[in-house]
Amino acid sequence: MPGSGVEVVVGVSGASGGRLAHRFVELALTARELSRLHLVFSAAALDVAREEIDRDLVTPEDWIARLAVPRRIAGKVTLHANARVGASIASGSYPTAGMIVVPCSGGTLGAIANGISRDLIGRAADVMLKERRPLVLALRESPYSLVHIENMRRATRAGAVIMPPTPAFYVADPSPDRFLDAFCMRAARWLGLTVPGEDFRWTGGRKSARQRPGKSRRTAG
């Protein structure tokens, strides 16, 4: 692998969930294994970011400048134009560790599931599938149509992991920000990244705070 450490690809589509993408990149950049994060925006991704993050966002560089990380860490980001299908990450000879599309729109899912590589996000995802590397698709659609379901099935059979950003309701002191972090840290592990900070994993065996020791909870029958 070029240099030392892990290189991953992050594609940001135009689905709702701009904050999710922003937080994922912030957390991924803090992983000790990460040496390079390749970032690609679809044409509509910045439009969504302006609505959900900051109306003053004009360019991808503005988006990166708002990452809550030190400048030296933000320097790990390599920005690619989505139209540049000849970028390094469009080739299987460039050994990245995996890719996530976050958020992933239904249209982006459909393109990936059917091998349509008309832009860099689609081509980089196609590379992950053909090289048998991790590809995580954070699908942001609800409810699902049969088209979505069939495309999820096709993508899964091809090797992708469909990972909708479902809240982990078991986290302590739940809040929107903690739901974001729990999802992003779990998704990062699929790409071989260990994000420092709170461990949101379910440990099991916890007693309810409302259940007294030694007493079993009765069920209605």
Protein backbone atom coordinates (compact mmCIF):
# COMPACT_ATOMS: atom_id res chain seq x y z
CA MET A 1 0.00 0.00 0.00
CA PRO A 2 1.34 3.45 -0.83
CA GLY A 3 2.94 4.92 2.27
CA SER A 4 2.02 3.47 5.64
CA GLY A 5 -1.38 2.88 7.17
CA VAL A 6 -4.84 2.47 5.70
CA GLU A 7 -6.40 4.42 2.84
CA VAL A 8 -10.19 4.50 2.50
CA VAL A 9 -12.65 6.07 0.09
CA VAL A 10 -15.69 8.09 1.19
CA GLY A 11 -18.37 8.90 -1.37
CA VAL A 12 -21.02 11.46 -0.44
CA SER A 13 -24.22 11.31 -2.48
CA GLY A 14 -27.12 13.75 -2.58
CA ALA A 15 -29.38 11.87 -0.17
CA SER A 16 -30.50 13.52 3.04
CA GLY A 17 -27.89 12.92 5.71
CA GLY A 18 -25.25 15.56 5.17
CA ARG A 19 -24.42 15.66 8.88
CA LEU A 20 -23.89 11.91 8.83
CA ALA A 21 -21.22 12.20 6.14
CA HIS A 22 -19.54 15.12 7.88
CA ARG A 23 -19.37 13.29 11.22
CA PHE A 24 -18.13 10.08 9.63
CA VAL A 25 -15.19 11.90 8.06
CA GLU A 26 -14.40 13.70 11.33
CA LEU A 27 -14.27 10.43 13.25
CA ALA A 28 -12.49 8.42 10.55
CA LEU A 29 -9.71 11.01 10.41
CA THR A 30 -8.92 10.33 14.07
CA ALA A 31 -8.35 6.58 13.52
CA ARG A 32 -4.71 5.73 14.15
CA GLU A 33 -4.63 3.34 11.18
CA LEU A 34 -5.73 5.97 8.64
CA SER A 35 -3.08 7.48 6.39
CA ARG A 36 -5.31 8.86 3.60
CA LEU A 37 -9.03 9.52 3.16
CA HIS A 38 -10.17 9.91 -0.45
CA LEU A 39 -13.30 12.08 -0.56
CA VAL A 40 -15.74 12.36 -3.49
CA PHE A 41 -18.96 14.41 -3.66
CA SER A 42 -21.82 13.82 -6.07
CA ALA A 43 -23.31 16.83 -7.85
CA ALA A 44 -26.17 17.11 -5.35
CA ALA A 45 -24.21 16.41 -2.16
CA LEU A 46 -23.25 20.04 -1.52
CA ASP A 47 -26.84 21.16 -2.14
CA VAL A 48 -27.92 18.88 0.69
CA ALA A 49 -25.05 20.04 2.90
CA ARG A 50 -26.14 23.66 2.46
CA GLU A 51 -29.61 22.74 3.71
CA GLU A 52 -28.52 20.47 6.57
CA ILE A 53 -25.15 21.83 7.73
CA ASP A 54 -24.44 25.41 6.66
CA ARG A 55 -25.98 27.61 3.96
CA ASP A 56 -22.59 29.22 3.38
CA LEU A 57 -21.07 25.99 2.05
CA VAL A 58 -20.15 26.65 -1.57
CA THR A 59 -17.29 24.31 -2.41
CA PRO A 60 -16.01 20.93 -1.19
CA GLU A 61 -13.12 22.85 0.36
CA ASP A 62 -15.65 24.77 2.49
CA TRP A 63 -17.08 21.43 3.63
CA ILE A 64 -13.64 20.17 4.61
CA ALA A 65 -12.76 23.45 6.37
CA ARG A 66 -15.70 22.91 8.74
CA LEU A 67 -14.38 19.55 9.98
CA ALA A 68 -13.81 19.70 13.74
CA VAL A 69 -10.28 18.26 13.54
CA PRO A 70 -6.79 19.79 13.73
CA ARG A 71 -5.39 21.06 10.43
CA ARG A 72 -2.67 18.39 10.36
CA ILE A 73 -5.35 15.68 10.55
CA ALA A 74 -7.53 17.37 7.92
CA GLY A 75 -4.45 17.14 5.72
CA LYS A 76 -5.12 13.41 5.36
CA VAL A 77 -8.05 14.23 3.05
CA THR A 78 -7.54 13.95 -0.71
CA LEU A 79 -10.41 15.51 -2.62
CA HIS A 80 -11.44 14.07 -6.00
CA ALA A 81 -13.87 15.54 -8.52
CA ASN A 82 -16.73 13.14 -9.18
CA ALA A 83 -16.37 13.66 -12.92
CA ARG A 84 -12.72 12.56 -12.85
CA VAL A 85 -13.12 8.87 -13.57
CA GLY A 86 -9.40 8.60 -14.21
CA ALA A 87 -8.51 9.27 -10.55
CA SER A 88 -6.27 6.84 -8.67
CA ILE A 89 -9.20 5.28 -6.78
CA ALA A 90 -10.88 4.36 -10.08
CA SER A 91 -8.30 1.62 -10.60
CA GLY A 92 -8.06 -1.73 -8.88
CA SER A 93 -4.27 -1.35 -8.99
CA TYR A 94 -4.55 1.36 -6.31
CA PRO A 95 -4.90 -0.67 -3.09
CA THR A 96 -7.37 1.07 -0.80
CA ALA A 97 -8.78 -0.79 2.20
CA GLY A 98 -12.43 -0.15 1.37
CA MET A 99 -15.13 2.40 0.70
CA ILE A 100 -18.28 3.81 2.22
CA VAL A 101 -21.01 5.78 0.47
CA VAL A 102 -22.58 7.94 3.18
CA PRO A 103 -25.31 8.89 2.78
CA CYS A 104 -26.22 6.62 -0.13
CA SER A 105 -29.21 7.69 -2.22
CA GLY A 106 -31.53 5.24 -3.94
CA GLY A 107 -30.17 6.36 -7.31
CA THR A 108 -26.56 5.77 -6.23
CA LEU A 109 -27.51 2.34 -4.88
CA GLY A 110 -29.17 1.50 -8.19
CA ALA A 111 -26.13 2.55 -10.20
CA ILE A 112 -23.77 0.51 -8.01
CA ALA A 113 -26.03 -2.55 -7.92
CA ASN A 114 -26.26 -2.59 -11.71
CA GLY A 115 -22.63 -1.79 -12.50
CA ILE A 116 -23.29 1.69 -13.93
CA SER A 117 -20.03 3.61 -13.54
CA ARG A 118 -20.78 7.03 -15.00
CA ASP A 119 -18.93 8.97 -12.28
CA LEU A 120 -16.11 8.43 -9.81
CA ILE A 121 -18.34 7.32 -6.94
CA GLY A 122 -19.85 4.60 -9.13
CA ARG A 123 -16.51 3.57 -10.58
CA ALA A 124 -14.73 3.47 -7.20
CA ALA A 125 -17.59 1.35 -5.80
CA ASP A 126 -17.33 -0.98 -8.80
CA VAL A 127 -13.61 -1.35 -8.06
CA MET A 128 -14.37 -2.37 -4.47
CA LEU A 129 -16.73 -5.09 -5.65
CA LYS A 130 -14.46 -6.52 -8.33
CA GLU A 131 -11.43 -6.46 -6.02
CA ARG A 132 -13.44 -8.02 -3.16
CA ARG A 133 -12.84 -5.09 -0.83
CA PRO A 134 -15.33 -3.80 1.79
CA LEU A 135 -18.04 -1.57 0.35
CA VAL A 136 -20.51 -0.08 2.85
CA LEU A 137 -23.65 1.61 1.55
CA ALA A 138 -25.39 3.80 4.14
CA LEU A 139 -28.73 3.84 2.34
CA ARG A 140 -30.88 6.84 3.27
CA GLU A 141 -34.33 5.98 1.98
CA SER A 142 -37.51 5.16 3.86
CA PRO A 143 -39.78 3.41 3.25
CA TYR A 144 -38.22 1.06 0.70
CA SER A 145 -39.83 0.40 -2.65
CA LEU A 146 -39.47 -2.96 -4.34
CA VAL A 147 -36.89 -1.33 -6.61
CA HIS A 148 -34.80 -0.42 -3.55
CA ILE A 149 -35.15 -3.91 -2.14
CA GLU A 150 -34.11 -5.58 -5.40
CA ASN A 151 -31.14 -3.24 -5.73
CA MET A 152 -30.11 -3.94 -2.13
CA ARG A 153 -30.29 -7.65 -2.92
CA ARG A 154 -28.18 -7.26 -6.06
CA ALA A 155 -25.58 -5.13 -4.29
CA THR A 156 -25.42 -7.55 -1.36
CA ARG A 157 -24.97 -10.55 -3.65
CA ALA A 158 -22.14 -8.66 -5.37
CA GLY A 159 -20.37 -8.17 -2.04
CA ALA A 160 -21.57 -4.83 -0.66
CA VAL A 161 -22.80 -4.30 2.90
CA ILE A 162 -26.12 -2.44 3.11
CA MET A 163 -25.98 -0.43 6.33
CA PRO A 164 -28.82 2.06 6.75
CA PRO A 165 -28.09 4.58 9.53
CA THR A 166 -30.53 3.01 11.98
CA PRO A 167 -30.28 4.54 15.48
CA ALA A 168 -28.71 2.30 18.13
CA PHE A 169 -31.39 2.81 20.77
CA TYR A 170 -29.41 0.87 23.36
CA VAL A 171 -26.75 3.59 23.76
CA ALA A 172 -26.70 5.36 27.11
CA ASP A 173 -28.09 8.89 27.22
CA PRO A 174 -29.43 8.69 23.65
CA SER A 175 -29.38 11.82 21.53
CA PRO A 176 -29.11 12.56 17.78
CA ASP A 177 -25.37 13.25 18.07
CA ARG A 178 -24.74 10.02 19.96
CA PHE A 179 -26.76 8.07 17.39
CA LEU A 180 -24.55 9.58 14.69
CA ASP A 181 -21.37 8.64 16.51
CA ALA A 182 -22.51 5.09 17.25
CA PHE A 183 -23.32 4.48 13.59
CA CYS A 184 -20.15 6.10 12.27
CA MET A 185 -17.87 4.17 14.62
CA ARG A 186 -19.53 0.90 13.68
CA ALA A 187 -19.26 1.68 9.97
CA ALA A 188 -15.60 2.64 10.40
CA ARG A 189 -14.82 -0.82 11.79
CA TRP A 190 -15.99 -2.36 8.50
CA LEU A 191 -13.17 -0.43 6.83
CA GLY A 192 -10.54 -1.51 9.34
CA LEU A 193 -10.54 1.76 11.28
CA THR A 194 -10.47 1.98 15.07
CA VAL A 195 -11.94 5.30 16.14
CA PRO A 196 -10.84 6.42 19.63
CA GLY A 197 -13.46 7.49 22.12
CA GLU A 198 -16.55 5.99 23.68
CA ASP A 199 -17.31 2.38 22.87
CA PHE A 200 -20.96 2.16 21.78
CA ARG A 201 -20.98 -1.60 21.29
CA TRP A 202 -23.72 -3.64 22.94
CA THR A 203 -22.27 -5.69 25.81
CA GLY A 204 -25.41 -7.56 26.84
CA GLY A 205 -26.54 -8.72 30.26
CA ARG A 206 -27.38 -5.27 31.59
CA LYS A 207 -30.22 -5.06 34.05
CA SER A 208 -32.87 -2.44 33.55
CA ALA A 209 -32.49 0.52 35.87
CA ARG A 210 -36.16 0.09 36.71
CA GLN A 211 -35.82 -3.59 37.61
CA ARG A 212 -35.00 -4.34 41.22
CA PRO A 213 -32.19 -6.84 41.92
CA GLY A 214 -33.50 -10.34 42.50
CA LYS A 215 -36.90 -9.58 40.99
CA SER A 216 -38.08 -10.79 37.61
CA ARG A 217 -40.22 -8.61 35.43
CA ARG A 218 -43.72 -10.03 34.95
CA THR A 219 -45.22 -10.19 31.50
CA ALA A 220 -48.89 -9.72 30.75
CA GLY A 221 -50.58 -12.94 29.83
